[in-house]
Protein backbone atom coordinates (compact mmCIF):
# COMPACT_ATOMS: atom_id res chain seq x y z
CA UNK A 1 1.74 64.26 -22.17
CA UNK A 2 3.39 61.76 -24.46
CA UNK A 3 6.74 60.11 -24.03
CA UNK A 4 8.55 58.01 -26.61
CA UNK A 5 9.36 54.47 -25.50
CA UNK A 6 10.99 51.52 -27.17
CA UNK A 7 9.00 48.32 -27.51
CA UNK A 8 9.82 44.95 -28.98
CA UNK A 9 9.20 44.59 -32.72
CA UNK A 10 6.90 41.60 -32.15
CA UNK A 11 4.80 43.54 -29.64
CA UNK A 12 4.56 46.45 -32.07
CA UNK A 13 3.47 44.13 -34.89
CA UNK A 14 0.81 42.51 -32.68
CA UNK A 15 -0.43 45.93 -31.55
CA UNK A 16 -0.59 47.11 -35.16
CA UNK A 17 -2.66 44.09 -36.25
CA UNK A 18 -5.05 44.42 -33.33
CA UNK A 19 -5.26 48.21 -33.64
CA UNK A 20 -6.29 47.93 -37.29
CA UNK A 21 -8.93 45.33 -36.45
CA UNK A 22 -10.33 47.44 -33.60
CA UNK A 23 -10.04 50.84 -35.33
CA UNK A 24 -7.38 52.24 -32.98
CA UNK A 25 -3.94 53.68 -33.51
CA UNK A 26 -0.96 51.59 -32.42
CA UNK A 27 -0.20 53.89 -29.45
CA UNK A 28 -3.83 53.75 -28.30
CA UNK A 29 -3.79 49.94 -28.60
CA UNK A 30 -0.70 49.73 -26.40
CA UNK A 31 -2.33 52.09 -23.87
CA UNK A 32 -5.48 49.93 -23.90
CA UNK A 33 -3.46 46.78 -23.25
CA UNK A 34 -1.56 48.54 -20.46
CA UNK A 35 -4.79 49.65 -18.76
CA UNK A 36 -6.24 46.14 -18.93
CA UNK A 37 -3.00 44.63 -17.68
CA UNK A 38 -2.76 47.06 -14.76
CA UNK A 39 -6.39 46.47 -13.81
CA UNK A 40 -5.84 42.70 -13.98
CA UNK A 41 -2.80 42.93 -11.72
CA UNK A 42 -4.68 45.16 -9.29
CA UNK A 43 -7.69 42.77 -9.28
CA UNK A 44 -6.35 39.24 -9.72
CA UNK A 45 -9.66 37.63 -8.74
CA UNK A 46 -11.62 39.23 -11.60
CA UNK A 47 -11.88 37.57 -15.02
CA UNK A 48 -10.20 39.57 -17.78
CA UNK A 49 -13.49 39.74 -19.69
CA UNK A 50 -15.14 41.51 -16.75
CA UNK A 51 -12.24 43.96 -16.52
CA UNK A 52 -12.53 44.67 -20.25
CA UNK A 53 -16.29 45.23 -19.96
CA UNK A 54 -15.89 47.55 -16.96
CA UNK A 55 -13.28 49.66 -18.78
CA UNK A 56 -15.54 49.84 -21.86
CA UNK A 57 -18.54 50.88 -19.75
CA UNK A 58 -16.51 53.57 -18.01
CA UNK A 59 -15.40 54.96 -21.37
CA UNK A 60 -19.00 55.04 -22.62
CA UNK A 61 -20.17 56.85 -19.53
CA UNK A 62 -22.53 54.00 -18.68
CA UNK A 63 -20.76 53.20 -15.44
CA UNK A 64 -22.59 54.01 -12.24
CA UNK A 65 -21.12 52.87 -8.94
CA UNK A 66 -23.30 50.52 -6.95
CA UNK A 67 -24.15 51.68 -3.46
CA UNK A 68 -24.97 49.13 -0.80
CA UNK A 69 -27.87 49.82 1.50
CA UNK A 70 -28.41 48.30 4.88
CA UNK A 71 -31.78 46.75 5.57
């Protein structure tokens, strides 16, 4: 489902520049930033680079949850 929203012109321009550099559309760039931002707020102790890498791994299907075993 898609919903139209209004965003600041400066945010749109920044998203457009980054989207072009990273081969995304502007809406997908804004979604990407929102996902990273939400994950960062939900996990304030994690570095943003780790959050970005985890999201990338999940998208590539390379993410496997780690299971702890008791010895």
